[in-house]
Amino acid sequence: MREAVIIDAVRSAGGRSKRGGLAATRADEIGIQVIKGLMARVPQLNPADVDDVICGNSFPEGEQGMQIGRIIAVGAGLPISTSGMTINRFCSSGVQSIADATAKVSMGWSDVIIAGGVESMSHIPMGGSIMRPNVDWPADGPWVYISMGLTAENIAADYKISREDMDAMGMESNRRAFEAIKAGKFKDEIIPINAYKYKVTKSGKRIRETFVFDTDDGVRWPVTLADMAKLKSPFKAGGNCTAANSSQTTDGAGFALIMTAEKAKAIGVKPLAKLTNFAVAGCRAEEMGVGPKYAIPKVLKQAGLTTKDIDLWEINEAFASQALYCIREIGIEDRLKAGDINPNGGAIALGHPLGASGAKLTAQLLHEMKRRKAKRGIVSMCIGGGMGAAAIFELV
């Protein structure tokens, strides 16, 4: 089996859906620009050597439909010989694409693949344009159509995750993200996007303007626990999961360049990292957020490692209730407090662009590992429908 390596991993900044910097920019245009930016970082690579583009996307319809993987491959200027495909495992789609690319390269089916994900939640809402659950679904069966917010409320209630602890996690996520942006920590991983915005002139004409979007715009800082405590749950009457302790709906993209170690050596580029292990695990749909509790131990067992062997973690903060529950169950809450988990803020502050999140978190993890000279890191997240995913990365 051949060794597959990651040459680089990049992302766009995250834009708040409907109100943020990418709200008027199509998903395909965001993805195209991120791939162009990734390729520009590796001028030694002949674009004709890219075999495939694998793109994660949670709701592939409308502006991000019609096989967006192929569309962004062509739009990014890759030759017609480069294929493209779209995959969907909801929130883990971005890292699933990187895992699939690694497997294909390792097996000798491809030499060079670009893998990641893109999502515009401004254009395609959570659930898609027309959500149609099966009306004949058994009433006593697992409710796979349950809203993500209700699953978060279920976890908070069933496992006694307090409102105070959830709000504290939300506040710390925003503080860390604010400090990271202030320190310029994301500059190396973010590809600036030529984004659009519209305005109406005095004559009533609607015109489109272009501007550069290069900074995550969902971070809310300063914030106080007292202000956070005033917010109500939009998911459940009397609930505790609010906008202050839940991930933001976000627009964005992230992609990684994967190739054989031999190819990297032949073209004279130094690999950044490699994905060594990947696992998914199922759980009850009604508490889908507990997925990482099962996926992380599974991938660690697969690799013959323990939590002590992992230097850095990116555990998606879909909701503070589920993230805290998983961290506590796995026994790594001390690592959260030490700054080894989501060290530069999580999805509560930086956003959760669904099908792109796995690739976004991979870029964040690998660049922070490089700064710290860390050996191993994990990217993990819960997945709609009742699943979890976890990937182990090593610097090379």
Protein backbone atom coordinates (compact mmCIF):
# COMPACT_ATOMS: atom_id res chain seq x y z
CA MET A 1 0.00 0.00 0.00
CA ARG A 2 1.29 3.45 -0.92
CA GLU A 3 1.69 6.36 1.49
CA ALA A 4 -0.80 9.17 0.96
CA VAL A 5 0.21 12.61 2.24
CA ILE A 6 -1.44 15.99 2.59
CA ILE A 7 0.55 18.78 0.97
CA ASP A 8 -1.60 21.63 2.25
CA ALA A 9 -5.05 22.31 3.68
CA VAL A 10 -6.81 25.65 3.32
CA ARG A 11 -10.20 27.23 3.84
CA SER A 12 -12.20 30.34 3.24
CA ALA A 13 -13.14 32.54 6.14
CA GLY A 14 -16.57 31.68 7.52
CA GLY A 15 -19.40 34.07 6.72
CA ARG A 16 -22.60 34.27 8.73
CA SER A 17 -25.48 32.93 6.67
CA LYS A 18 -27.85 35.57 5.31
CA ARG A 19 -25.99 38.45 7.03
CA GLY A 20 -22.28 37.75 6.56
CA GLY A 21 -19.59 38.43 4.02
CA LEU A 22 -20.38 35.46 1.76
CA ALA A 23 -24.17 35.74 1.84
CA ALA A 24 -24.42 37.03 -1.74
CA THR A 25 -21.72 34.74 -3.18
CA ARG A 26 -22.63 31.36 -4.66
CA ALA A 27 -21.22 28.17 -3.18
CA ASP A 28 -19.57 27.17 -6.45
CA GLU A 29 -17.75 30.50 -6.64
CA ILE A 30 -16.49 30.10 -3.07
CA GLY A 31 -15.29 26.57 -3.76
CA ILE A 32 -13.65 27.54 -7.04
CA GLN A 33 -11.64 30.31 -5.40
CA VAL A 34 -10.47 28.11 -2.53
CA ILE A 35 -9.27 25.44 -4.96
CA LYS A 36 -7.51 28.07 -7.09
CA GLY A 37 -5.83 29.39 -3.96
CA LEU A 38 -4.77 25.88 -2.94
CA MET A 39 -3.29 25.15 -6.36
CA ALA A 40 -1.46 28.48 -6.38
CA ARG A 41 0.38 27.37 -3.24
CA VAL A 42 1.83 24.37 -5.09
CA PRO A 43 3.08 25.74 -8.42
CA GLN A 44 5.25 22.65 -8.86
CA LEU A 45 2.13 20.57 -9.49
CA ASN A 46 0.86 20.25 -13.05
CA PRO A 47 -2.95 20.71 -12.89
CA ALA A 48 -3.26 17.85 -15.37
CA ASP A 49 -1.94 15.52 -12.67
CA VAL A 50 -5.01 16.10 -10.46
CA ASP A 51 -7.13 12.99 -10.99
CA ASP A 52 -10.22 13.96 -9.06
CA VAL A 53 -11.94 16.60 -6.93
CA ILE A 54 -14.06 15.19 -4.09
CA CYS A 55 -16.43 17.76 -2.62
CA GLY A 56 -18.52 17.32 0.50
CA ASN A 57 -21.88 19.08 0.55
CA SER A 58 -24.82 18.54 2.88
CA PHE A 59 -27.60 19.93 0.70
CA PRO A 60 -26.53 19.57 -2.96
CA GLU A 61 -29.33 21.47 -4.66
CA GLY A 62 -30.01 24.91 -6.12
CA GLU A 63 -26.84 26.98 -6.41
CA GLN A 64 -24.78 24.08 -5.02
CA GLY A 65 -26.52 21.33 -6.98
CA MET A 66 -25.89 19.77 -10.39
CA GLN A 67 -22.76 17.88 -9.26
CA ILE A 68 -20.90 20.72 -7.58
CA GLY A 69 -17.72 18.64 -7.31
CA ARG A 70 -17.38 18.53 -11.08
CA ILE A 71 -18.52 22.13 -11.48
CA ILE A 72 -15.86 23.57 -9.18
CA ALA A 73 -13.17 21.37 -10.72
CA VAL A 74 -13.89 22.85 -14.15
CA GLY A 75 -14.44 26.34 -12.74
CA ALA A 76 -11.10 26.28 -10.95
CA GLY A 77 -9.35 25.81 -14.29
CA LEU A 78 -8.43 22.16 -13.88
CA PRO A 79 -8.33 20.30 -17.19
CA ILE A 80 -11.32 18.42 -18.53
CA SER A 81 -9.51 15.19 -17.70
CA THR A 82 -9.85 15.96 -13.99
CA SER A 83 -13.01 14.36 -12.65
CA GLY A 84 -15.21 15.60 -9.82
CA MET A 85 -17.78 14.16 -7.45
CA THR A 86 -20.00 15.24 -4.60
CA ILE A 87 -20.41 13.24 -1.39
CA ASN A 88 -22.75 13.71 1.54
CA ARG A 89 -22.38 12.52 5.11
CA PHE A 90 -23.88 15.73 6.45
CA CYS A 91 -21.57 17.46 8.94
CA SER A 92 -18.62 15.14 8.34
CA SER A 93 -18.72 15.42 4.54
CA GLY A 94 -15.57 17.57 4.37
CA VAL A 95 -13.38 15.16 6.34
CA GLN A 96 -15.10 12.15 4.76
CA SER A 97 -13.91 13.43 1.37
CA ILE A 98 -10.33 13.71 2.70
CA ALA A 99 -10.57 10.16 4.09
CA ASP A 100 -11.92 8.83 0.79
CA ALA A 101 -9.16 10.62 -1.13
CA THR A 102 -6.52 9.18 1.20
CA ALA A 103 -7.90 5.67 0.70
CA LYS A 104 -7.97 6.03 -3.09
CA VAL A 105 -4.41 7.34 -3.24
CA SER A 106 -3.18 4.65 -0.83
CA MET A 107 -4.78 1.91 -2.94
CA GLY A 108 -3.21 3.18 -6.14
CA TRP A 109 -6.49 4.26 -7.74
CA SER A 110 -5.37 7.90 -7.97
CA ASP A 111 -2.10 9.76 -7.58
CA VAL A 112 -3.36 13.27 -6.81
CA ILE A 113 -6.76 14.36 -5.42
CA ILE A 114 -8.20 17.61 -4.12
CA ALA A 115 -10.72 16.88 -1.35
CA GLY A 116 -12.84 18.97 0.99
CA GLY A 117 -16.22 20.59 1.00
CA VAL A 118 -18.33 23.69 0.41
CA GLU A 119 -21.65 24.95 1.74
CA SER A 120 -23.75 28.08 1.36
CA MET A 121 -26.35 28.13 4.11
CA SER A 122 -27.39 31.56 2.89
CA HIS A 123 -28.66 30.07 -0.37
CA ILE A 124 -29.71 26.58 0.74
CA PRO A 125 -31.20 26.45 4.24
CA MET A 126 -30.82 23.70 6.81
CA GLY A 127 -33.07 20.88 5.63
CA GLY A 128 -32.92 21.98 2.01
CA SER A 129 -35.45 23.93 0.00
CA ILE A 130 -38.21 21.32 0.32
CA MET A 131 -37.94 18.91 3.24
CA ARG A 132 -40.32 15.97 2.86
CA PRO A 133 -40.07 13.38 5.65
CA ASN A 134 -41.60 9.98 4.96
CA VAL A 135 -45.17 10.16 6.32
CA ASP A 136 -45.21 6.36 6.62
CA TRP A 137 -42.15 6.27 8.87
CA PRO A 138 -42.93 4.06 11.91
CA ALA A 139 -44.06 6.18 14.85
CA ASP A 140 -42.05 4.03 17.24
CA GLY A 141 -38.93 3.97 15.05
CA PRO A 142 -35.80 6.13 15.40
CA TRP A 143 -36.82 9.62 14.32
CA VAL A 144 -34.12 10.27 11.73
CA TYR A 145 -35.87 13.47 10.64
CA ILE A 146 -35.57 15.17 14.03
CA SER A 147 -34.21 18.72 14.02
CA MET A 148 -30.64 19.15 15.21
CA GLY A 149 -31.70 21.69 17.83
CA LEU A 150 -34.05 19.23 19.49
CA THR A 151 -31.30 16.60 19.68
CA ALA A 152 -29.14 19.17 21.48
CA GLU A 153 -31.95 19.86 23.93
CA ASN A 154 -32.38 16.11 24.47
CA ILE A 155 -28.72 15.75 25.40
CA ALA A 156 -28.78 18.73 27.73
CA ALA A 157 -31.84 17.34 29.54
CA ASP A 158 -30.97 13.62 29.54
CA TYR A 159 -27.34 14.03 30.60
CA LYS A 160 -27.81 17.08 32.83
CA ILE A 161 -25.57 19.50 30.95
CA SER A 162 -26.27 22.80 32.71
CA ARG A 163 -27.15 26.05 30.99
CA GLU A 164 -24.30 27.70 32.88
CA ASP A 165 -21.74 25.23 31.55
CA MET A 166 -23.06 25.55 28.00
CA ASP A 167 -22.95 29.33 28.10
CA ALA A 168 -19.45 29.23 29.58
CA MET A 169 -18.30 27.08 26.65
CA GLY A 170 -19.91 29.51 24.21
CA MET A 171 -18.21 32.48 25.81
CA GLU A 172 -14.81 30.78 25.82
CA SER A 173 -15.21 29.75 22.19
CA ASN A 174 -15.76 33.37 21.21
CA ARG A 175 -12.89 34.61 23.36
CA ARG A 176 -10.45 32.13 21.85
CA ALA A 177 -11.58 32.92 18.31
CA PHE A 178 -11.29 36.65 18.91
CA GLU A 179 -7.77 36.24 20.27
CA ALA A 180 -6.77 33.97 17.37
CA ILE A 181 -7.97 36.47 14.78
CA LYS A 182 -6.27 39.32 16.62
CA ALA A 183 -3.01 37.34 16.63
CA GLY A 184 -3.32 36.54 12.90
CA LYS A 185 -3.37 32.80 13.49
CA PHE A 186 -5.76 32.07 10.63
CA LYS A 187 -3.93 34.08 7.97
CA ASP A 188 -1.89 31.13 6.67
CA GLU A 189 -4.90 28.86 6.24
CA ILE A 190 -7.45 31.30 4.78
CA ILE A 191 -7.80 31.89 1.05
CA PRO A 192 -9.26 35.39 0.52
CA ILE A 193 -12.51 35.34 -1.44
CA ASN A 194 -13.59 37.93 -4.00
CA ALA A 195 -17.12 38.15 -2.66
CA TYR A 196 -20.21 40.02 -3.79
CA LYS A 197 -22.60 42.45 -2.17
CA TYR A 198 -25.49 44.38 -3.64
CA LYS A 199 -26.65 47.94 -3.16
CA VAL A 200 -29.35 50.15 -4.62
CA THR A 201 -28.27 53.46 -6.17
CA LYS A 202 -30.16 56.73 -5.76
CA SER A 203 -31.74 56.08 -9.14
CA GLY A 204 -33.12 52.77 -7.86
CA LYS A 205 -30.76 50.57 -9.83
CA ARG A 206 -29.48 47.47 -8.04
CA ILE A 207 -25.77 46.95 -8.65
CA ARG A 208 -23.27 44.31 -7.60
CA GLU A 209 -19.97 45.20 -5.98
CA THR A 210 -16.94 43.03 -5.31
CA PHE A 211 -14.90 43.07 -2.13
CA VAL A 212 -12.29 40.84 -0.49
CA PHE A 213 -13.59 38.65 2.33
CA ASP A 214 -10.81 37.14 4.42
CA THR A 215 -11.84 37.18 8.09
CA ASP A 216 -14.35 35.01 9.97
CA ASP A 217 -17.23 37.36 10.71
CA GLY A 218 -19.33 35.45 13.23
CA VAL A 219 -17.21 35.99 16.33
CA ARG A 220 -19.08 37.81 19.10
CA TRP A 221 -16.73 39.44 21.55
CA PRO A 222 -16.86 40.89 24.12
CA VAL A 223 -19.82 39.03 25.59
CA THR A 224 -20.95 38.38 29.15
CA LEU A 225 -22.58 35.38 30.77
CA ALA A 226 -25.31 37.68 32.04
CA ASP A 227 -26.23 38.73 28.52
CA MET A 228 -26.06 35.15 27.27
CA ALA A 229 -28.40 34.00 30.04
CA LYS A 230 -31.13 36.30 28.71
CA LEU A 231 -31.44 34.40 25.42
CA LYS A 232 -34.23 31.88 24.88
CA SER A 233 -34.06 28.58 23.05
CA PRO A 234 -35.49 28.65 19.51
CA PHE A 235 -35.75 24.86 19.59
CA LYS A 236 -37.85 24.07 22.65
CA ALA A 237 -40.06 26.05 25.03
CA GLY A 238 -38.09 26.50 28.22
CA GLY A 239 -35.03 24.91 26.64
CA ASN A 240 -31.40 25.80 27.29
CA CYS A 241 -29.77 25.57 23.84
CA THR A 242 -29.60 29.11 22.44
CA ALA A 243 -27.78 31.18 19.85
CA ALA A 244 -25.11 31.82 22.49
CA ASN A 245 -24.20 28.16 22.96
CA SER A 246 -24.96 26.69 19.52
CA SER A 247 -23.02 26.76 16.26
CA GLN A 248 -23.78 29.46 13.73
CA THR A 249 -25.17 28.66 10.30
CA THR A 250 -22.32 29.59 8.00
CA ASP A 251 -21.11 29.87 4.41
CA GLY A 252 -17.64 28.62 3.52
CA ALA A 253 -15.33 26.07 1.94
CA GLY A 254 -12.20 24.10 2.73
CA PHE A 255 -9.98 21.82 0.65
CA ALA A 256 -6.82 19.74 1.02
CA LEU A 257 -4.35 18.49 -1.58
CA ILE A 258 -3.58 14.78 -1.22
CA MET A 259 -1.01 12.83 -3.24
CA THR A 260 1.42 9.95 -2.94
CA ALA A 261 4.63 10.54 -1.02
CA GLU A 262 6.48 9.52 -4.17
CA LYS A 263 4.69 12.19 -6.21
CA ALA A 264 5.47 14.83 -3.60
CA LYS A 265 9.14 13.89 -3.72
CA ALA A 266 9.18 13.84 -7.52
CA ILE A 267 7.84 17.40 -7.82
CA GLY A 268 9.90 18.70 -4.91
CA VAL A 269 7.20 19.60 -2.37
CA LYS A 270 7.28 18.87 1.34
CA PRO A 271 4.16 17.21 2.78
CA LEU A 272 2.44 18.81 5.72
CA ALA A 273 0.70 15.82 7.24
CA LYS A 274 -1.13 12.56 6.60
CA LEU A 275 -4.45 11.09 7.64
CA THR A 276 -3.60 7.82 9.37
CA ASN A 277 -6.96 6.59 10.64
CA PHE A 278 -10.64 7.31 10.13
CA ALA A 279 -13.80 5.91 11.71
CA VAL A 280 -17.53 6.53 11.77
CA ALA A 281 -20.03 5.24 14.32
CA GLY A 282 -23.80 5.26 14.64
CA CYS A 283 -25.90 6.38 17.60
CA ARG A 284 -29.54 7.21 18.34
CA ALA A 285 -30.85 9.84 15.95
CA GLU A 286 -32.67 11.60 18.80
CA GLU A 287 -29.30 12.35 20.40
CA MET A 288 -27.15 12.53 17.30
CA GLY A 289 -24.73 14.92 19.04
CA VAL A 290 -23.20 12.12 21.12
CA GLY A 291 -21.61 10.67 17.96
CA PRO A 292 -18.01 11.66 18.82
CA LYS A 293 -18.32 9.72 22.10
CA TYR A 294 -18.41 6.57 19.96
CA ALA A 295 -16.32 7.60 16.95
CA ILE A 296 -13.28 8.85 18.89
CA PRO A 297 -12.73 5.67 20.96
CA LYS A 298 -13.32 3.64 17.79
CA VAL A 299 -10.64 5.44 15.80
CA LEU A 300 -8.22 5.37 18.74
CA LYS A 301 -8.68 1.60 19.06
CA GLN A 302 -8.17 1.24 15.31
CA ALA A 303 -4.86 3.10 15.61
CA GLY A 304 -3.75 1.41 18.83
CA LEU A 305 -3.62 4.76 20.63
CA THR A 306 -5.16 6.43 23.69
CA THR A 307 -6.28 9.99 24.31
CA LYS A 308 -2.86 10.68 25.84
CA ASP A 309 -1.27 10.10 22.43
CA ILE A 310 -3.28 12.96 20.88
CA ASP A 311 -1.71 16.41 21.16
CA LEU A 312 -4.47 18.54 19.67
CA TRP A 313 -8.19 18.22 19.05
CA GLU A 314 -10.80 19.92 16.86
CA ILE A 315 -14.18 18.69 18.10
CA ASN A 316 -16.98 20.45 16.26
CA GLU A 317 -19.13 22.59 18.53
CA ALA A 318 -22.44 21.89 16.84
CA PHE A 319 -23.94 22.60 20.24
CA ALA A 320 -22.24 23.13 23.57
CA SER A 321 -24.46 20.45 25.12
CA GLN A 322 -23.21 17.68 22.85
CA ALA A 323 -19.59 18.86 22.69
CA LEU A 324 -19.33 19.05 26.48
CA TYR A 325 -21.04 15.69 26.93
CA CYS A 326 -18.65 13.94 24.53
CA ILE A 327 -15.56 15.62 25.99
CA ARG A 328 -16.58 14.57 29.50
CA GLU A 329 -17.48 11.01 28.53
CA ILE A 330 -14.16 10.52 26.73
CA GLY A 331 -12.37 11.89 29.79
CA ILE A 332 -10.58 14.87 28.24
CA GLU A 333 -12.24 17.86 29.89
CA ASP A 334 -8.88 18.81 31.37
CA ARG A 335 -7.54 19.11 27.82
CA LEU A 336 -10.35 21.53 26.97
CA LYS A 337 -9.38 23.73 29.90
CA ALA A 338 -5.70 23.47 28.93
CA GLY A 339 -6.43 24.77 25.43
CA ASP A 340 -5.71 21.53 23.57
CA ILE A 341 -9.30 21.21 22.33
CA ASN A 342 -10.57 23.88 19.92
CA PRO A 343 -7.64 26.14 20.92
CA ASN A 344 -8.66 28.95 18.58
CA GLY A 345 -12.38 28.76 19.14
CA GLY A 346 -14.97 26.41 17.73
CA ALA A 347 -18.13 26.46 15.66
CA ILE A 348 -20.05 28.47 18.25
CA ALA A 349 -17.79 31.39 17.32
CA LEU A 350 -16.40 30.51 13.89
CA GLY A 351 -19.44 28.80 12.40
CA HIS A 352 -20.46 25.42 11.01
CA PRO A 353 -20.71 25.38 7.20
CA LEU A 354 -22.08 21.82 7.27
CA GLY A 355 -20.52 19.95 4.33
CA ALA A 356 -17.36 22.07 4.54
CA SER A 357 -16.83 21.83 8.30
CA GLY A 358 -14.71 18.68 8.28
CA ALA A 359 -12.27 20.20 5.79
CA LYS A 360 -12.36 23.55 7.59
CA LEU A 361 -11.48 21.88 10.91
CA THR A 362 -8.73 19.89 9.20
CA ALA A 363 -7.11 23.10 7.95
CA GLN A 364 -7.39 24.67 11.41
CA LEU A 365 -5.98 21.57 13.11
CA LEU A 366 -3.01 21.06 10.79
CA HIS A 367 -1.89 24.69 10.86
CA GLU A 368 -2.13 24.80 14.66
CA MET A 369 -0.22 21.50 14.89
CA LYS A 370 2.48 23.02 12.72
CA ARG A 371 2.72 26.05 15.02
CA ARG A 372 2.95 23.83 18.08
CA LYS A 373 5.15 21.19 16.44
CA ALA A 374 2.57 18.66 17.62
CA LYS A 375 2.72 15.06 16.44
CA ARG A 376 -0.92 13.93 16.32
CA GLY A 377 -4.34 15.54 16.19
CA ILE A 378 -7.97 14.50 15.87
CA VAL A 379 -10.86 16.06 13.97
CA SER A 380 -14.27 14.84 15.12
CA MET A 381 -17.91 15.82 14.84
CA CYS A 382 -21.46 14.62 15.32
CA ILE A 383 -23.57 13.94 12.23
CA GLY A 384 -27.26 14.44 11.52
CA GLY A 385 -29.28 11.22 11.56
CA GLY A 386 -27.30 9.83 14.50
CA MET A 387 -23.60 9.33 13.73
CA GLY A 388 -20.13 10.51 14.63
CA ALA A 389 -16.86 10.68 12.70
CA ALA A 390 -13.25 10.97 13.80
CA ALA A 391 -9.97 11.27 11.89
CA ILE A 392 -6.41 11.06 13.19
CA PHE A 393 -3.78 13.22 11.50
CA GLU A 394 0.00 13.17 11.92
CA LEU A 395 2.51 15.79 10.88
CA VAL A 396 5.26 14.52 8.58
